[in-house]
Protein backbone atom coordinates (compact mmCIF):
# COMPACT_ATOMS: atom_id res chain seq x y z
CA MET A 1 111.67 39.17 81.07
CA ASN A 2 114.70 36.10 80.43
CA GLY A 3 118.23 36.35 80.20
CA VAL A 4 118.78 39.47 82.55
CA ILE A 5 121.91 40.04 84.63
CA ALA A 6 123.34 42.95 86.76
CA ILE A 7 126.63 43.98 86.49
CA ILE A 8 128.79 45.92 88.85
CA PRO A 9 132.08 47.62 87.71
CA ALA A 10 133.94 48.61 90.53
CA ARG A 11 137.52 48.60 90.64
CA GLY A 12 140.04 48.94 93.17
CA GLY A 13 141.50 52.34 92.91
CA SER A 14 140.11 55.87 93.53
CA LYS A 15 141.48 58.97 93.82
CA GLY A 16 138.21 61.62 95.80
CA ILE A 17 138.01 58.23 98.52
CA LYS A 18 140.39 55.89 98.85
CA ASP A 19 138.95 51.97 98.94
CA LYS A 20 135.39 53.89 97.68
CA ASN A 21 133.59 50.86 96.87
CA LEU A 22 134.58 49.08 100.74
CA GLN A 23 133.47 52.40 102.28
CA GLN A 24 130.40 52.00 104.97
CA VAL A 25 127.10 53.95 104.55
CA GLY A 26 124.51 52.80 107.09
CA GLY A 27 126.91 50.11 108.16
CA THR A 28 126.78 48.10 105.12
CA PRO A 29 129.66 48.73 102.56
CA LEU A 30 128.61 50.51 99.55
CA LEU A 31 129.28 47.40 97.34
CA ALA A 32 127.41 45.26 99.72
CA ARG A 33 124.38 47.70 98.96
CA THR A 34 124.62 47.58 95.65
CA ILE A 35 124.50 43.84 95.74
CA ILE A 36 121.27 43.59 98.01
CA ALA A 37 119.17 45.63 95.88
CA LEU A 38 119.96 43.88 92.76
CA GLN A 39 119.56 40.13 94.55
CA SER A 40 115.90 41.70 95.46
CA SER A 41 114.83 42.70 92.43
CA SER A 42 112.24 40.29 90.68
CA VAL A 43 113.85 40.36 87.13
CA ILE A 44 117.88 39.65 87.67
CA SER A 45 119.03 35.99 87.56
CA SER A 46 122.72 36.80 88.30
CA VAL A 47 124.79 39.75 90.14
CA TYR A 48 128.55 39.53 88.49
CA VAL A 49 131.08 42.09 90.09
CA SER A 50 133.99 43.19 87.82
CA THR A 51 137.19 44.07 89.60
CA ASP A 52 140.73 44.04 89.65
CA SER A 53 140.80 44.37 93.58
CA SER A 54 141.01 40.84 95.54
CA ALA A 55 138.77 42.50 98.44
CA ILE A 56 136.34 43.48 96.45
CA ALA A 57 136.25 40.00 94.99
CA LYS A 58 136.22 38.25 98.75
CA LEU A 59 133.36 40.78 99.55
CA ALA A 60 131.07 40.40 96.91
CA ARG A 61 131.24 36.88 96.81
CA LEU A 62 130.72 36.83 100.51
CA TYR A 63 127.19 38.38 99.17
CA GLY A 64 126.13 35.87 96.70
CA ALA A 65 127.73 37.72 93.54
CA GLN A 66 129.60 36.25 90.86
CA VAL A 67 133.07 38.03 89.75
CA VAL A 68 134.80 38.84 87.13
CA MET A 69 138.82 39.71 87.47
CA ARG A 70 139.16 42.57 84.58
CA PRO A 71 142.84 42.68 83.08
CA SER A 72 144.82 45.50 84.29
CA ASN A 73 144.39 47.61 80.99
CA LEU A 74 140.77 47.97 82.01
CA SER A 75 141.49 49.16 85.20
CA ASP A 76 143.09 52.41 84.76
CA ASP A 77 141.21 55.89 85.57
CA ALA A 78 141.50 56.03 81.67
CA ALA A 79 139.28 52.85 81.08
CA SER A 80 135.85 53.62 80.82
CA SER A 81 132.90 51.51 82.20
CA GLU A 82 131.94 50.47 79.11
CA SER A 83 135.19 48.51 78.18
CA ALA A 84 134.89 46.81 81.61
CA ILE A 85 131.07 45.60 81.02
CA LEU A 86 131.91 44.67 77.49
CA HIS A 87 134.51 42.40 78.83
CA ALA A 88 132.24 41.35 82.04
CA ILE A 89 129.71 40.22 78.89
CA GLU A 90 132.43 38.75 77.10
CA THR A 91 133.80 36.39 79.76
CA ILE A 92 129.98 35.96 81.24
CA ARG A 93 129.27 34.74 77.96
CA ASP A 94 132.18 32.12 77.31
CA SER A 95 131.20 30.37 80.86
CA GLY A 96 127.68 29.43 79.86
CA THR A 97 125.56 32.32 80.32
CA ASN A 98 124.04 34.47 77.28
CA PRO A 99 122.53 37.71 79.03
CA THR A 100 120.46 39.47 76.88
CA SER A 101 120.07 42.65 78.86
CA VAL A 102 121.74 44.19 81.42
CA VAL A 103 121.36 46.44 84.12
CA PHE A 104 124.75 48.38 84.47
CA ALA A 105 124.89 49.45 88.80
CA GLN A 106 127.38 51.81 90.24
CA CYS A 107 128.25 51.17 93.83
CA THR A 108 128.61 55.00 94.37
CA SER A 109 124.33 55.53 94.49
CA PRO A 110 123.95 53.94 98.38
CA PHE A 111 120.43 54.23 97.87
CA ILE A 112 119.43 51.67 94.97
CA LYS A 113 115.95 49.42 95.27
CA PRO A 114 114.74 46.66 94.13
CA SER A 115 111.60 48.80 92.59
CA ASP A 116 114.21 51.06 90.78
CA VAL A 117 115.92 48.28 89.05
CA ASP A 118 112.58 46.24 88.57
CA GLY A 119 111.89 49.60 86.93
CA ILE A 120 114.19 50.45 85.16
CA ILE A 121 114.23 47.18 83.02
CA ASP A 122 110.71 47.02 82.29
CA LEU A 123 112.38 50.22 80.56
CA LEU A 124 113.52 48.03 77.97
CA ASN A 125 110.23 47.19 76.11
CA THR A 126 109.65 50.66 75.33
CA PHE A 127 113.40 51.61 75.24
CA ASP A 128 116.76 50.41 73.74
CA SER A 129 118.83 51.69 76.78
CA ALA A 130 117.92 53.55 80.03
CA LEU A 131 118.94 55.41 82.91
CA THR A 132 117.96 56.64 86.15
CA VAL A 133 117.12 60.14 86.60
CA THR A 134 115.93 63.12 89.43
CA ASP A 135 113.83 65.94 89.00
CA ASN A 136 116.18 69.25 88.67
CA HIS A 137 114.57 72.31 89.17
CA SER A 138 117.87 74.46 89.49
CA PHE A 139 118.90 77.53 87.51
CA ILE A 140 122.13 76.47 85.78
CA TRP A 141 124.67 78.89 84.64
CA ARG A 142 127.92 78.76 82.41
CA GLN A 143 130.83 80.91 82.07
CA SER A 144 131.08 82.73 78.79
CA SER A 145 134.50 83.08 77.38
CA ASP A 146 134.54 86.84 78.68
CA GLY A 147 133.88 85.93 82.27
CA SER A 148 130.30 86.62 82.19
CA ALA A 149 127.76 84.29 83.38
CA ALA A 150 125.15 82.99 81.04
CA GLY A 151 122.05 81.63 81.29
CA ILE A 152 121.66 77.57 79.99
CA ASN A 153 118.38 76.94 81.12
CA HIS A 154 116.78 79.88 81.62
CA ASP A 155 116.31 83.37 80.47
CA PRO A 156 117.84 85.51 83.24
CA ALA A 157 115.97 88.63 81.67
CA VAL A 158 112.71 86.93 82.51
CA ARG A 159 112.61 85.34 85.96
CA LEU A 160 110.22 82.83 86.19
CA PRO A 161 109.38 80.81 89.46
CA ARG A 162 111.78 77.54 89.32
CA GLN A 163 108.31 75.51 88.65
CA MET A 164 107.90 77.28 85.51
CA LEU A 165 111.03 76.32 83.93
CA PRO A 166 110.75 73.70 81.16
CA LYS A 167 111.03 69.79 82.72
CA GLU A 168 114.56 68.85 83.46
CA PHE A 169 116.07 65.62 84.76
CA ARG A 170 119.44 65.18 86.18
CA GLU A 171 121.21 61.88 85.57
CA THR A 172 121.69 60.05 89.02
CA GLY A 173 124.42 57.59 88.11
CA ALA A 174 122.46 55.03 89.97
CA LEU A 175 121.40 52.46 87.38
CA TYR A 176 121.58 51.77 83.21
CA ALA A 177 119.83 49.04 81.06
CA PHE A 178 119.85 48.03 77.62
CA ASN A 179 119.96 45.10 75.65
CA VAL A 180 123.31 43.54 74.99
CA ALA A 181 123.03 43.20 70.78
CA GLY A 182 122.26 47.29 70.98
CA PHE A 183 125.10 47.38 73.56
CA GLU A 184 127.90 45.56 71.58
CA LYS A 185 127.59 47.35 68.65
CA SER A 186 127.12 51.05 70.10
CA LYS A 187 129.75 49.97 72.84
CA HIS A 188 128.30 52.86 74.78
CA ARG A 189 125.46 52.65 77.12
CA PHE A 190 123.33 55.50 75.68
CA PHE A 191 121.64 54.18 72.37
CA GLY A 192 118.48 54.26 70.09
CA ARG A 193 115.59 55.62 72.09
CA VAL A 194 116.42 56.39 75.69
CA GLY A 195 114.00 55.38 78.64
CA MET A 196 114.17 57.55 81.63
CA TYR A 197 113.31 56.34 85.31
CA PRO A 198 112.81 58.78 87.95
CA VAL A 199 113.98 58.36 91.47
CA PRO A 200 113.05 60.49 94.28
CA THR A 201 115.56 63.06 95.33
CA GLU A 202 116.62 61.74 98.93
CA ARG A 203 117.56 58.55 97.04
CA SER A 204 119.40 60.22 93.97
CA MET A 205 122.90 61.26 95.63
CA GLU A 206 126.42 60.02 94.48
CA ILE A 207 129.27 59.86 96.70
CA ASP A 208 132.43 61.66 94.49
CA GLU A 209 134.13 63.42 97.85
CA PRO A 210 134.60 62.66 101.20
CA TYR A 211 131.68 65.03 102.91
CA ASP A 212 129.47 63.13 100.20
CA LEU A 213 129.83 59.98 102.83
CA VAL A 214 129.24 62.18 105.39
CA LEU A 215 125.76 63.36 104.61
CA ALA A 216 125.07 59.58 102.96
CA ASN A 217 125.34 58.07 106.60
CA GLN A 218 123.06 61.20 108.00
CA LEU A 219 120.68 60.33 105.43
CA ALA A 220 120.68 56.13 106.08
CA ALA A 221 119.91 57.27 109.38
CA SER A 222 116.80 58.18 108.34
CA LEU A 223 115.80 55.55 105.85
CA SER A 224 114.61 51.78 106.27
CA LYS A 225 118.34 49.54 106.98
CA VAL A 226 119.62 47.54 104.44
CA ALA A 227 117.75 43.79 104.38
CA GLY A 228 120.95 41.78 103.55
CA THR A 229 123.48 39.55 105.01
CA PRO A 230 126.29 37.97 103.54
CA ASN A 231 126.77 34.12 103.67
CA LEU A 232 128.01 33.28 107.18
CA LYS A 233 127.41 29.52 106.68
CA ASN A 234 131.10 28.37 106.19
CA PHE A 235 133.15 28.92 109.07
CA LYS A 236 134.60 27.06 112.02
CA SER A 237 136.36 30.13 113.79
CA VAL A 238 135.49 33.09 115.55
CA VAL A 239 138.42 35.34 116.82
CA PHE A 240 138.16 38.02 119.23
CA ASP A 241 140.28 41.13 119.92
CA PHE A 242 139.84 42.01 123.54
CA ASP A 243 139.75 46.34 124.28
CA GLY A 244 137.00 47.35 121.98
CA VAL A 245 135.03 44.34 121.54
CA LEU A 246 135.23 42.49 124.30
CA THR A 247 135.19 45.57 126.71
CA ASP A 248 133.90 48.97 126.22
CA ASN A 249 137.41 50.20 125.46
CA LEU A 250 137.51 52.07 128.82
CA VAL A 251 139.92 51.10 131.17
CA SER A 252 139.71 52.04 135.33
CA VAL A 253 143.30 52.68 137.28
CA ASP A 254 143.06 52.58 140.66
CA SER A 255 145.62 54.80 143.14
CA ASN A 256 147.96 51.74 142.94
CA GLY A 257 147.79 51.24 139.23
CA LEU A 258 145.43 48.23 139.22
CA GLU A 259 143.54 48.71 135.81
CA THR A 260 139.91 46.80 135.63
CA VAL A 261 137.79 46.65 132.64
CA SER A 262 134.03 45.90 132.11
CA CYS A 263 132.56 43.60 130.37
CA SER A 264 129.28 42.07 129.27
CA ARG A 265 127.74 39.00 130.91
CA SER A 266 125.77 38.63 127.22
CA ASP A 267 128.72 38.88 125.63
CA GLY A 268 129.83 36.10 127.38
CA MET A 269 126.59 34.03 127.07
CA GLY A 270 126.99 34.36 123.41
CA ILE A 271 130.77 32.87 123.10
CA GLN A 272 129.41 29.71 125.32
CA MET A 273 126.86 29.68 122.66
CA LEU A 274 129.41 29.52 120.04
CA LYS A 275 131.56 27.05 121.67
CA ASP A 276 128.62 24.82 122.47
CA ALA A 277 128.27 24.88 118.71
CA GLY A 278 131.41 23.62 118.17
CA TYR A 279 133.73 27.20 116.75
CA SER A 280 137.19 26.90 117.56
CA LEU A 281 137.56 30.75 119.68
CA LEU A 282 140.63 32.98 120.52
CA ILE A 283 141.02 35.87 122.03
CA LEU A 284 143.98 37.81 120.54
CA SER A 285 145.18 41.17 121.59
CA LYS A 286 148.48 42.95 122.39
CA GLU A 287 147.81 44.50 125.87
CA ARG A 288 149.65 42.46 128.22
CA ASN A 289 147.19 43.16 131.61
CA ALA A 290 146.97 40.56 133.45
CA VAL A 291 142.59 41.14 132.95
CA VAL A 292 142.99 39.58 129.64
CA THR A 293 144.53 35.82 130.55
CA ALA A 294 141.37 36.70 133.31
CA ARG A 295 138.58 37.01 131.11
CA GLY A 296 140.00 34.08 129.04
CA LYS A 297 140.15 32.20 132.03
CA LYS A 298 136.56 32.86 133.18
CA LEU A 299 135.02 32.04 129.48
CA ASP A 300 137.37 28.77 129.21
CA VAL A 301 138.20 30.53 125.66
CA GLU A 302 142.28 30.19 124.48
CA VAL A 303 144.02 33.82 124.83
CA ILE A 304 147.21 35.00 122.89
CA GLN A 305 148.51 38.60 124.75
CA GLY A 306 151.26 40.35 124.39
CA CYS A 307 151.45 40.04 121.04
CA ASP A 308 153.30 42.96 118.78
CA ASN A 309 152.31 41.41 115.51
CA LYS A 310 148.88 39.77 115.68
CA LEU A 311 148.73 38.99 112.39
CA GLN A 312 151.58 36.17 112.44
CA ARG A 313 150.40 34.92 115.44
CA LEU A 314 146.50 34.55 113.45
CA VAL A 315 148.29 32.59 110.90
CA GLN A 316 150.13 30.35 112.91
CA TRP A 317 147.05 29.64 115.95
CA LEU A 318 145.47 28.73 112.45
CA ALA A 319 147.44 26.74 111.34
CA ASP A 320 148.13 24.69 114.40
CA LYS A 321 144.57 24.39 114.21
CA LYS A 322 144.33 23.02 111.23
CA LEU A 323 142.00 25.93 109.96
CA LEU A 324 141.93 28.26 106.53
CA ALA A 325 141.85 32.01 106.73
CA GLU A 326 138.43 31.85 104.38
CA GLU A 327 136.74 29.68 107.69
CA CYS A 328 137.62 32.13 110.01
CA ILE A 329 136.02 35.41 111.40
CA TYR A 330 138.28 38.25 113.25
CA ILE A 331 136.14 40.64 115.06
CA GLY A 332 138.21 43.88 115.47
CA ASN A 333 137.92 47.91 116.57
CA ASP A 334 140.84 49.63 115.58
CA ILE A 335 143.63 49.94 113.40
CA ASN A 336 145.97 47.42 114.92
CA ASP A 337 143.54 44.45 114.09
CA ARG A 338 142.86 45.79 110.57
CA GLU A 339 145.76 43.23 108.97
CA CYS A 340 144.10 40.84 110.47
CA MET A 341 140.48 41.51 109.10
CA GLU A 342 141.83 41.71 105.81
CA PHE A 343 143.36 38.16 106.08
CA VAL A 344 140.44 36.33 107.53
CA GLY A 345 137.43 35.10 105.45
CA MET A 346 134.88 37.82 106.78
CA ALA A 347 135.55 40.97 109.31
CA PHE A 348 133.09 42.40 112.17
CA ALA A 349 133.27 45.05 114.32
CA PRO A 350 131.34 46.36 116.62
CA ALA A 351 128.90 49.94 115.97
CA ASP A 352 131.53 52.15 117.70
CA ALA A 353 134.77 50.99 116.05
CA HIS A 354 137.13 53.34 114.59
CA PRO A 355 136.45 54.57 111.38
CA SER A 356 139.81 53.24 110.19
CA VAL A 357 139.00 49.67 110.45
CA ASP A 358 135.53 50.69 107.92
CA THR A 359 136.99 49.53 104.81
CA ALA A 360 138.24 46.31 105.96
CA THR A 361 134.98 45.28 107.62
CA THR A 362 132.10 43.13 106.17
CA TRP A 363 129.67 43.67 108.71
CA LYS A 364 129.17 46.36 110.91
CA LEU A 365 127.63 45.53 114.68
CA ASN A 366 124.24 47.24 115.90
CA ALA A 367 126.14 46.95 119.29
CA ASN A 368 129.02 48.78 120.71
CA GLY A 369 132.44 46.86 122.02
CA GLY A 370 131.51 45.25 125.43
CA ALA A 371 127.99 45.85 125.12
CA GLY A 372 126.59 42.65 123.32
CA ALA A 373 128.82 43.23 120.08
CA ALA A 374 130.01 39.20 120.94
CA ARG A 375 126.49 38.13 121.49
CA GLU A 376 125.05 39.74 118.24
CA LEU A 377 127.98 38.14 116.19
CA ALA A 378 126.73 34.88 118.23
CA ASP A 379 123.12 34.97 117.50
CA LEU A 380 123.80 35.66 113.54
CA LEU A 381 126.01 32.74 113.00
CA LEU A 382 123.90 30.32 114.96
CA HIS A 383 120.73 31.34 113.63
CA SER A 384 122.75 30.87 109.82
CA GLN A 385 123.29 27.65 111.20
CA ALA A 386 120.47 26.78 111.88
CA SER A 387 118.49 27.36 108.76
CA SER A 388 121.25 25.95 107.19
CA LEU A 389 120.45 22.84 109.02
CA SER A 390 116.55 23.60 108.01
């Protein structure tokens, strides 16, 4: 189907979960999971993210989506998703693209598959609009005005097995699809003949509350890993935090108070590979212990340590090297890294990073700090570099 685009409305503000669209499920931000699924569809020509947030816009661009910045009057709690979609369509049309059909996707459904996207678009050959649903076999009750319970989809006096209830479906909130002409006329996602695309219950969850995130991460461990990566080709520098990144975040102290840390030779090899490939490297640490300097000397990497304001020192280092922030990768693991992670072009974190940096992390690595995280990052960057030359 020609002229099919996808639009993801993703505001920066959220009440139930702070920075909800940037939260991680299975090591990948919710927004990125949705972009990847849409980009992997066989029918979507372009993916757009409608947002008021610079952090969301940055992440969207890293994963290859185009960004529509929405005005403030479409960004508060009272603004409908439809108003954001209508604004996005108008903006996209002004840029020279004339979409005929739209898939409206929500980041809060983390388990969308490309086949779901293809399937819901296919319904537009028969229907005017469509939504994803899942089977509902629940007995639904409502409280009456006198406080008593009343059956909604069943007769309480005739207790049938749930399989014998009339077939019902629950809206998942993951995907909606519609033809543009009908949507602009009705200004609502449901119009004309509405089709339903069923998804299995285990992939139908929607994240609204903090405990939903916990459940989603548990479920993600049993599902296939998201197969998509951000653009890594335009980076020229890598800045490493020390404790928890180049070490396992533990320290040994002898009876004289001498501290020692554990580092990975594999990480050392990865750093050497990055140096050989021409990346500018820095170890940036608040730690004042001489072990940081010693490790930097061993790796032949510049070290700035004992700094209370890491962001200030990072900005100065980039200026001295004549590097742009958007060309820099920062890998950190805890709250004192967050400002730097938000400032640079892309932020990585080891698998065991503290949750306080989750929403600042573009990519969570599989390896822990001090146990191969730096080598994993090096392999990713060098593979991307090699791919760009082939």
